[in-house]
Amino acid sequence: MAASLLHLCHCKPHTQPILLPNLAPENTITTFTNTTNNLSTVSYRSSSSNVSKLILRTLPLTRPHVLNHAHSSSSQPSVAPSETTSTPEDPLRIGIVGFGNFGQFIAKRLKRQGHIVLATSRSDYSEYCAESGIEFFRDIDQFCEKQPDVILVCCSILSTETVVRSIPMHKLKPDTIFADVLSVKQFPRNLLLEVLPPEFGIICTHPMFGPESGKQGWAAFPFVFDKVRIAENSVQGQKCAQFLSIFEREGCRMVEMSCEEHDRHAAGSQFITHTIGRILSHLNLESTSINTKGYETLLQLTENTVSDSFDLYYGLFMYNVNATEQIENLDRAFETLKQKLFGRLHDILRRQIVERVPLQGGPTKPREPNPTTYFLPNNEEMKDLSSFAMPPPQQSKNVASASPHRRDSRSR
C-alpha cells in the first residue's frame, strides 16, 4: 500500500492516524511531538504484537513556514530545509560604491523593499547609515568581505575608473554582479569588461530620474538597462532578474537597450538639454511680471541644469562619443537661424522700418531723395551683426578744399 503522510511544521502535540506501507488498515499509529527537544515519538498497536517506539529527530527550520506534503510517494526523496537553495524571495545583499546624493536616494527604496544594503564611500556617512539601517564601511576591503550579491557603482563619471580599479575583486563571490547608474553607457561597459573577472556579471543601467525628479516616486520614469554579461538559467541570472524587479515594482518603465543606442539617444536629448540650460544660465534670465509659459519653462530648465555639477556636464561631453557631433550640429543650427534672420533684411523693407512712415489717411508729401549712402550692407555682404556697423562719417569735398584756405589765413 502506498504511503500517505500529512506533515505539519511547528504544530502542537497531536494524535494523527497515518498509513504506512505493509500495515493493515486496522493498525493505529499515535504520534507525539516534543517541540522543546525536537523529538517525535511514534508508536502503534496491532492485533498481533506491540512494536517498540521509534524516536525521530526533526530538524529546526531556518524561518517560519508551513510545508504541506500530501500524497507523497515513498520513492520521492525529501529535502531538508538546510539543503534548499536561495529563492527569488530572499533579500539581495546590495553594496553601493559611492554613497553621495544619488546613492542615498537609491538606498532608501532598496531598504523599503527589504533588501540588505551595504555602503562605502570616500566621505564618512556612518552616522546617516546608522540611522537608516545601512551598514557603512570606510574600508573597501571590509566592504568586499561581506560579499554582496550586487555591487552598484554610484560614483561620478570622472571618478568611476579609479574607483572600480581599486576594488579587491578576489574578495568577492565569483558570481557577483556589477551594475552602474552612469548617464553614459559605452564607457562603463568597456571598463567593466576590461577590469572584472570573466565570471562576474555585468549590467549597465541608467535610471532616467534623480533625487529631484523622483522624490515623489519612480512611476512611469524610464529605466534603461543592458544585460552585458549575465549567465542565464543560473543563480546569477535569478539575482539579475531580482535586481531589475526592484525598479519594476516601483513603477518604472523598463527599457532594454544596447549601450550604443543609449548613448546616441542621450546625446540628442540629455546632453542637448544640459547644453541649452548652461547657455541660458549665462544670460542671467530673471522672472518678470509678464512671464509666458514658455519662458517659465526656460527658467525651470536653467535651474535644473545648473543645480547639477559641471563635472556631470563635462562627463556627458567627454565620455559620450556622440556629444561632439551634437555640439557641431547645435553650432550649425544657430548659424543657419542667424542667416535666415539677416537674409530677410532687404534694403527697401529696412528703410520702411527705420524711416518715418506717414500715418494712414494723412497728408502725404513727396520725399526728397536722400543723397547720403545708406549704411546697411547688401544681401550678399551680410554675415553677422558686425556687418551693421556704421562707417565713420566722411568730410565733404567742400570742407576738405576749404581747410587749406583757413590754415593760410591763420598763418597770416
Protein backbone atom coordinates (compact mmCIF):
# COMPACT_ATOMS: atom_id res chain seq x y z
CA MET A 1 0.00 0.00 0.00
CA ALA A 2 1.36 3.42 -0.92
CA ALA A 3 2.17 5.67 1.99
CA SER A 4 0.12 8.74 2.72
CA LEU A 5 1.52 11.39 5.02
CA LEU A 6 0.35 14.75 6.27
CA HIS A 7 3.32 16.65 7.72
CA LEU A 8 2.82 19.75 9.87
CA CYS A 9 5.64 22.03 10.99
CA HIS A 10 5.55 23.95 14.31
CA CYS A 11 2.47 22.02 15.38
CA LYS A 12 1.19 21.26 18.85
CA PRO A 13 1.08 17.71 20.32
CA HIS A 14 -1.49 15.77 18.38
CA THR A 15 -2.71 12.31 17.58
CA GLN A 16 -2.98 11.50 13.93
CA PRO A 17 -3.64 8.19 12.20
CA ILE A 18 -1.06 7.57 9.45
CA LEU A 19 -0.98 4.75 6.94
CA LEU A 20 2.45 3.18 6.40
CA PRO A 21 3.48 0.51 3.88
CA ASN A 22 2.70 -3.14 4.66
CA LEU A 23 0.39 -2.25 7.56
CA ALA A 24 -3.16 -3.38 7.75
CA PRO A 25 -5.82 -0.71 7.96
CA GLU A 26 -6.84 -1.83 11.43
CA ASN A 27 -3.41 -0.88 12.82
CA THR A 28 -3.38 2.50 14.54
CA ILE A 29 -0.49 4.90 14.97
CA THR A 30 -0.09 7.59 17.59
CA THR A 31 2.44 10.42 17.28
CA PHE A 32 3.53 12.98 19.86
CA THR A 33 5.88 15.85 19.09
CA ASN A 34 8.14 17.30 21.76
CA THR A 35 8.90 20.81 20.44
CA THR A 36 11.42 21.52 23.20
CA ASN A 37 13.85 18.71 22.35
CA ASN A 38 12.87 18.39 18.68
CA LEU A 39 11.89 14.72 19.30
CA SER A 40 8.93 12.84 17.89
CA THR A 41 7.67 9.62 19.48
CA VAL A 42 5.81 7.21 17.22
CA SER A 43 4.04 4.06 18.45
CA TYR A 44 1.38 1.79 17.05
CA ARG A 45 -0.50 -1.27 18.19
CA SER A 46 -1.51 -4.16 16.01
CA SER A 47 -3.67 -7.14 16.80
CA SER A 48 -0.69 -9.48 16.79
CA SER A 49 2.03 -7.67 18.72
CA ASN A 50 3.34 -4.44 20.13
CA VAL A 51 6.14 -2.73 18.26
CA SER A 52 8.71 -0.73 20.19
CA LYS A 53 8.59 3.04 19.96
CA LEU A 54 10.52 4.81 17.24
CA ILE A 55 12.37 8.00 18.13
CA LEU A 56 12.61 10.50 15.22
CA ARG A 57 14.56 13.75 15.41
CA THR A 58 13.23 16.71 13.41
CA LEU A 59 15.46 19.45 12.02
CA PRO A 60 14.70 23.07 13.02
CA LEU A 61 13.60 25.28 10.13
CA THR A 62 15.60 28.33 9.16
CA ARG A 63 12.47 30.51 9.07
CA PRO A 64 8.80 30.06 9.93
CA HIS A 65 6.83 28.45 7.15
CA VAL A 66 4.38 25.60 6.63
CA LEU A 67 5.09 22.57 4.48
CA ASN A 68 2.13 20.63 3.18
CA HIS A 69 3.12 17.31 1.65
CA ALA A 70 0.05 15.41 0.58
CA HIS A 71 0.01 12.01 -1.07
CA SER A 72 3.81 11.94 -1.44
CA SER A 73 5.24 8.84 -2.93
CA SER A 74 7.61 6.87 -0.74
CA SER A 75 10.13 6.83 -3.61
CA GLN A 76 10.46 10.64 -3.71
CA PRO A 77 13.34 11.85 -1.51
CA SER A 78 12.61 14.62 0.96
CA VAL A 79 14.96 17.62 1.07
CA ALA A 80 16.00 19.04 4.39
CA PRO A 81 15.43 22.79 4.81
CA SER A 82 19.15 23.42 5.21
CA GLU A 83 19.81 21.94 1.77
CA THR A 84 17.50 24.23 -0.17
CA THR A 85 19.00 26.90 -2.43
CA SER A 86 18.17 30.61 -2.23
CA THR A 87 14.90 31.65 -3.80
CA PRO A 88 13.98 34.92 -5.52
CA GLU A 89 12.12 35.91 -2.36
CA ASP A 90 15.36 36.02 -0.38
CA PRO A 91 16.60 39.60 0.02
CA LEU A 92 19.57 40.67 -2.03
CA ARG A 93 22.76 41.96 -0.46
CA ILE A 94 23.38 45.13 -2.46
CA GLY A 95 26.62 47.05 -1.93
CA ILE A 96 26.63 50.69 -3.03
CA VAL A 97 30.00 52.17 -4.01
CA GLY A 98 29.78 55.95 -3.83
CA PHE A 99 27.21 56.99 -1.24
CA GLY A 100 26.50 60.57 -2.31
CA ASN A 101 23.10 62.07 -3.07
CA PHE A 102 22.17 59.52 -5.72
CA GLY A 103 23.47 56.56 -3.72
CA GLN A 104 21.38 57.59 -0.71
CA PHE A 105 18.41 58.21 -2.99
CA ILE A 106 18.57 54.66 -4.38
CA ALA A 107 19.31 53.07 -0.99
CA LYS A 108 16.02 54.28 0.51
CA ARG A 109 13.96 52.31 -2.00
CA LEU A 110 16.18 49.25 -1.69
CA LYS A 111 15.67 49.22 2.07
CA ARG A 112 11.94 49.76 1.69
CA GLN A 113 11.69 46.58 -0.39
CA GLY A 114 13.50 44.60 2.30
CA HIS A 115 16.94 44.20 0.75
CA ILE A 116 20.18 44.34 2.74
CA VAL A 117 22.13 47.48 1.84
CA LEU A 118 25.87 47.97 2.36
CA ALA A 119 27.69 51.19 1.52
CA THR A 120 31.19 52.53 1.11
CA SER A 121 32.39 55.97 0.09
CA ARG A 122 35.29 58.41 0.36
CA SER A 123 33.28 60.61 2.75
CA ASP A 124 32.07 59.37 6.12
CA TYR A 125 28.36 58.55 6.08
CA SER A 126 28.43 56.24 9.10
CA GLU A 127 26.03 58.38 11.12
CA TYR A 128 23.48 58.59 8.30
CA CYS A 129 23.74 54.85 7.66
CA ALA A 130 23.32 54.00 11.33
CA GLU A 131 20.05 55.95 11.38
CA SER A 132 18.87 54.34 8.14
CA GLY A 133 19.72 50.72 8.96
CA ILE A 134 22.56 50.56 6.44
CA GLU A 135 25.96 49.04 7.18
CA PHE A 136 28.70 51.53 6.23
CA PHE A 137 32.36 50.73 5.58
CA ARG A 138 35.21 53.21 5.26
CA ASP A 139 37.49 50.35 4.18
CA ILE A 140 36.75 48.90 0.74
CA ASP A 141 38.35 45.57 1.74
CA GLN A 142 35.94 45.10 4.65
CA PHE A 143 33.11 46.08 2.33
CA CYS A 144 34.04 43.33 -0.16
CA GLU A 145 34.49 40.73 2.60
CA LYS A 146 30.72 40.97 3.17
CA GLN A 147 30.38 39.54 -0.35
CA PRO A 148 27.34 41.40 -1.67
CA ASP A 149 25.28 39.83 -4.43
CA VAL A 150 25.20 43.06 -6.43
CA ILE A 151 27.69 45.95 -6.40
CA LEU A 152 26.03 49.17 -7.55
CA VAL A 153 28.54 51.79 -8.74
CA CYS A 154 27.07 55.23 -7.95
CA CYS A 155 30.16 57.45 -8.16
CA SER A 156 30.68 60.26 -10.68
CA ILE A 157 31.60 59.62 -14.30
CA LEU A 158 35.03 61.17 -13.87
CA SER A 159 35.97 59.01 -10.85
CA THR A 160 34.44 55.71 -12.00
CA GLU A 161 37.57 54.16 -13.47
CA THR A 162 39.72 54.95 -10.42
CA VAL A 163 37.10 53.59 -8.04
CA VAL A 164 36.43 50.37 -9.98
CA ARG A 165 40.13 49.55 -10.32
CA SER A 166 40.60 49.98 -6.56
CA ILE A 167 38.05 47.24 -5.67
CA PRO A 168 39.71 43.98 -4.45
CA MET A 169 37.94 41.59 -6.80
CA HIS A 170 39.46 38.48 -5.20
CA LYS A 171 37.43 39.07 -2.03
CA LEU A 172 34.11 38.94 -3.87
CA LYS A 173 32.00 35.94 -4.83
CA PRO A 174 32.70 34.53 -8.29
CA ASP A 175 29.13 35.22 -9.44
CA THR A 176 28.99 38.82 -8.20
CA ILE A 177 27.01 41.20 -10.40
CA PHE A 178 28.31 44.70 -11.13
CA ALA A 179 25.83 47.40 -12.10
CA ASP A 180 26.34 51.09 -12.79
CA VAL A 181 23.94 54.04 -12.96
CA LEU A 182 26.02 56.45 -15.05
CA SER A 183 24.47 58.77 -17.63
CA VAL A 184 26.76 57.29 -20.31
CA LYS A 185 26.88 53.61 -21.09
CA GLN A 186 29.60 52.58 -23.54
CA PHE A 187 32.35 53.85 -21.24
CA PRO A 188 31.37 51.83 -18.13
CA ARG A 189 30.59 48.76 -20.25
CA ASN A 190 34.05 48.72 -21.80
CA LEU A 191 35.68 49.46 -18.44
CA LEU A 192 33.89 46.64 -16.60
CA LEU A 193 34.59 44.16 -19.38
CA GLU A 194 38.27 45.05 -19.11
CA VAL A 195 38.63 45.06 -15.32
CA LEU A 196 36.24 42.41 -13.97
CA PRO A 197 36.96 38.66 -13.89
CA PRO A 198 35.16 36.79 -16.70
CA GLU A 199 32.71 35.04 -14.35
CA PHE A 200 31.41 38.32 -12.89
CA GLY A 201 28.06 39.55 -14.18
CA ILE A 202 27.70 42.99 -15.79
CA ILE A 203 24.52 45.00 -16.23
CA CYS A 204 24.65 48.63 -17.38
CA THR A 205 21.70 50.73 -16.23
CA HIS A 206 20.56 54.33 -16.41
CA PRO A 207 17.65 55.44 -14.22
CA MET A 208 16.21 58.38 -16.15
CA PHE A 209 15.38 60.25 -12.93
CA GLY A 210 17.16 61.60 -9.90
CA PRO A 211 16.66 62.85 -6.34
CA GLU A 212 14.69 65.90 -7.53
CA SER A 213 12.55 64.47 -10.32
CA GLY A 214 11.97 61.18 -8.49
CA LYS A 215 11.36 62.42 -4.96
CA GLN A 216 7.61 61.78 -5.27
CA GLY A 217 8.08 58.31 -6.78
CA TRP A 218 9.56 56.50 -9.77
CA ALA A 219 6.34 55.57 -11.52
CA ALA A 220 6.42 55.96 -15.34
CA PHE A 221 10.07 57.06 -15.37
CA PRO A 222 12.21 55.12 -17.89
CA PHE A 223 14.79 52.70 -16.52
CA VAL A 224 17.24 51.78 -19.28
CA PHE A 225 19.32 48.61 -18.91
CA ASP A 226 21.59 46.36 -20.93
CA LYS A 227 22.47 42.88 -19.65
CA VAL A 228 26.02 42.93 -20.97
CA ARG A 229 27.20 39.66 -19.39
CA ILE A 230 24.79 37.58 -17.32
CA ALA A 231 24.76 33.79 -17.03
CA GLU A 232 21.15 32.96 -17.79
CA ASN A 233 19.44 29.93 -16.19
CA SER A 234 21.72 30.20 -13.17
CA VAL A 235 21.75 31.76 -9.72
CA GLN A 236 23.40 34.81 -11.25
CA GLY A 237 20.57 35.12 -13.75
CA GLN A 238 17.98 34.85 -10.97
CA LYS A 239 19.70 37.57 -8.95
CA CYS A 240 19.88 39.80 -12.00
CA ALA A 241 16.15 39.40 -12.58
CA GLN A 242 15.50 40.10 -8.91
CA PHE A 243 17.60 43.26 -9.06
CA LEU A 244 15.70 44.55 -12.10
CA SER A 245 12.40 43.74 -10.42
CA ILE A 246 13.21 46.35 -7.76
CA PHE A 247 12.71 49.12 -10.30
CA GLU A 248 9.81 47.39 -11.98
CA ARG A 249 7.96 47.18 -8.66
CA GLU A 250 8.48 50.92 -8.18
CA GLY A 251 6.56 51.50 -11.42
CA CYS A 252 9.48 52.30 -13.73
CA ARG A 253 9.06 51.83 -17.46
CA MET A 254 11.66 49.15 -18.18
CA VAL A 255 13.57 49.79 -21.42
CA GLU A 256 16.13 47.21 -22.55
CA MET A 257 18.55 48.95 -24.90
CA SER A 258 22.12 48.48 -26.08
CA CYS A 259 24.79 50.82 -24.72
CA GLU A 260 25.48 52.22 -28.21
CA GLU A 261 21.85 53.07 -28.83
CA HIS A 262 21.53 54.62 -25.38
CA ASP A 263 24.48 56.97 -25.91
CA ARG A 264 23.18 58.01 -29.30
CA HIS A 265 19.77 58.90 -27.86
CA ALA A 266 21.25 60.52 -24.75
CA ALA A 267 23.48 62.84 -26.78
CA GLY A 268 20.46 64.12 -28.68
CA SER A 269 18.30 64.55 -25.59
CA GLN A 270 20.04 64.73 -22.24
CA PHE A 271 23.27 66.38 -23.43
CA ILE A 272 21.43 68.94 -25.59
CA THR A 273 19.11 69.75 -22.67
CA HIS A 274 22.06 70.38 -20.36
CA THR A 275 23.81 72.43 -23.04
CA ILE A 276 20.84 74.73 -23.63
CA GLY A 277 20.38 75.15 -19.90
CA ARG A 278 24.03 76.08 -19.46
CA ILE A 279 23.82 78.63 -22.29
CA LEU A 280 20.72 80.24 -20.81
CA SER A 281 22.42 80.46 -17.40
CA HIS A 282 24.98 82.84 -18.92
CA LEU A 283 22.16 85.21 -19.98
CA ASN A 284 21.18 85.81 -16.34
CA LEU A 285 17.49 85.42 -17.10
CA GLU A 286 15.10 86.77 -14.47
CA SER A 287 11.44 86.24 -13.80
CA THR A 288 9.12 89.10 -14.76
CA SER A 289 5.52 90.06 -14.10
CA ILE A 290 4.53 89.07 -17.64
CA ASN A 291 6.14 85.62 -17.88
CA THR A 292 4.76 83.33 -20.54
CA LYS A 293 4.50 79.58 -20.07
CA GLY A 294 7.38 79.07 -22.46
CA TYR A 295 9.58 81.49 -20.55
CA GLU A 296 8.70 79.76 -17.28
CA THR A 297 9.83 76.50 -18.86
CA LEU A 298 13.17 78.07 -19.82
CA LEU A 299 13.68 79.37 -16.28
CA GLN A 300 12.94 75.93 -14.86
CA LEU A 301 15.29 74.31 -17.36
CA THR A 302 18.08 76.68 -16.37
CA GLU A 303 17.54 76.00 -12.68
CA ASN A 304 17.52 72.23 -13.14
CA THR A 305 20.67 72.05 -15.22
CA VAL A 306 22.84 74.40 -13.16
CA SER A 307 21.87 72.53 -9.99
CA ASP A 308 24.00 69.63 -11.27
CA SER A 309 27.76 69.91 -11.03
CA PHE A 310 29.77 70.99 -14.03
CA ASP A 311 31.69 67.72 -13.71
CA LEU A 312 28.49 65.88 -14.60
CA TYR A 313 28.01 68.03 -17.69
CA TYR A 314 31.66 67.62 -18.64
CA GLY A 315 31.33 63.87 -18.20
CA LEU A 316 28.33 63.82 -20.55
CA PHE A 317 30.53 65.53 -23.14
CA MET A 318 33.82 63.74 -22.54
CA TYR A 319 32.57 60.16 -22.22
CA ASN A 320 29.92 60.12 -24.94
CA VAL A 321 31.35 59.78 -28.44
CA ASN A 322 28.21 61.40 -29.89
CA ALA A 323 28.43 64.61 -27.85
CA THR A 324 30.96 66.36 -30.09
CA GLU A 325 28.75 65.81 -33.11
CA GLN A 326 25.81 67.33 -31.26
CA ILE A 327 27.87 70.41 -30.34
CA GLU A 328 28.74 70.89 -34.01
CA ASN A 329 25.11 70.37 -35.03
CA LEU A 330 23.99 72.96 -32.50
CA ASP A 331 26.53 75.47 -33.77
CA ARG A 332 25.44 74.94 -37.39
CA ALA A 333 21.79 75.27 -36.42
CA PHE A 334 22.45 78.62 -34.74
CA GLU A 335 24.34 79.92 -37.78
CA THR A 336 21.51 78.81 -40.07
CA LEU A 337 19.00 80.64 -37.92
CA LYS A 338 21.04 83.85 -38.00
CA GLN A 339 21.36 83.68 -41.77
CA LYS A 340 17.59 83.33 -42.10
CA LEU A 341 17.07 86.40 -39.93
CA PHE A 342 19.67 88.57 -41.64
CA GLY A 343 18.74 87.35 -45.12
CA ARG A 344 15.30 88.93 -44.83
CA LEU A 345 16.66 92.39 -44.08
CA HIS A 346 16.10 93.73 -47.57
CA ASP A 347 17.15 97.32 -48.16
CA ILE A 348 13.72 98.68 -49.09
CA LEU A 349 11.99 96.82 -46.24
CA ARG A 350 14.59 98.08 -43.80
CA ARG A 351 14.08 101.72 -44.97
CA GLN A 352 10.38 101.37 -44.27
CA ILE A 353 11.14 100.23 -40.74
CA VAL A 354 13.83 102.81 -39.93
CA GLU A 355 12.44 105.91 -41.68
CA ARG A 356 9.22 107.58 -40.61
CA VAL A 357 6.18 106.27 -42.45
CA PRO A 358 3.23 108.65 -42.90
CA LEU A 359 0.10 107.82 -40.98
CA GLN A 360 -2.54 106.04 -42.96
CA GLY A 361 -5.06 108.57 -44.41
CA GLY A 362 -2.93 111.61 -43.51
CA PRO A 363 -1.45 114.13 -45.93
CA THR A 364 1.47 112.89 -47.90
CA LYS A 365 4.27 114.82 -49.42
CA PRO A 366 6.84 113.63 -51.82
CA ARG A 367 10.05 112.51 -50.24
CA GLU A 368 13.26 114.15 -51.23
CA PRO A 369 15.90 111.71 -52.32
CA ASN A 370 18.46 111.03 -49.65
CA PRO A 371 21.87 111.86 -51.08
CA THR A 372 23.71 110.03 -48.31
CA THR A 373 24.78 106.43 -48.77
CA TYR A 374 22.59 104.00 -46.90
CA PHE A 375 24.59 102.25 -44.18
CA LEU A 376 23.04 98.75 -44.42
CA PRO A 377 25.10 96.28 -46.47
CA ASN A 378 23.50 94.39 -49.28
CA ASN A 379 22.24 90.83 -49.02
CA GLU A 380 25.42 89.17 -50.22
CA GLU A 381 27.70 91.04 -47.82
CA MET A 382 25.72 90.36 -44.64
CA LYS A 383 27.39 87.72 -42.46
CA ASP A 384 26.90 88.63 -38.82
CA LEU A 385 25.98 91.59 -36.58
CA SER A 386 29.29 93.34 -37.30
CA SER A 387 28.03 93.93 -40.84
CA PHE A 388 25.66 96.57 -39.44
CA ALA A 389 28.37 98.80 -38.00
CA MET A 390 28.00 102.34 -39.41
CA PRO A 391 31.14 103.55 -41.18
CA PRO A 392 32.79 106.69 -39.77
CA PRO A 393 31.44 109.98 -41.26
CA GLN A 394 33.47 111.35 -44.17
CA GLN A 395 34.13 115.05 -44.65
CA SER A 396 32.65 116.62 -47.77
CA LYS A 397 34.82 117.81 -50.62
CA ASN A 398 33.95 121.47 -49.93
CA VAL A 399 35.08 121.18 -46.33
CA ALA A 400 38.23 119.43 -47.41
CA SER A 401 39.03 122.10 -50.02
CA ALA A 402 38.33 124.93 -47.60
CA SER A 403 40.64 123.66 -44.95
CA PRO A 404 43.92 124.82 -46.59
CA HIS A 405 42.46 128.32 -47.09
CA ARG A 406 41.62 128.63 -43.41
CA ARG A 407 45.06 127.43 -42.48
CA ASP A 408 46.60 130.07 -44.80
CA SER A 409 44.53 132.84 -43.26
CA ARG A 410 45.54 131.78 -39.78
CA SER A 411 49.18 131.77 -40.81
CA ARG A 412 48.97 135.43 -41.81
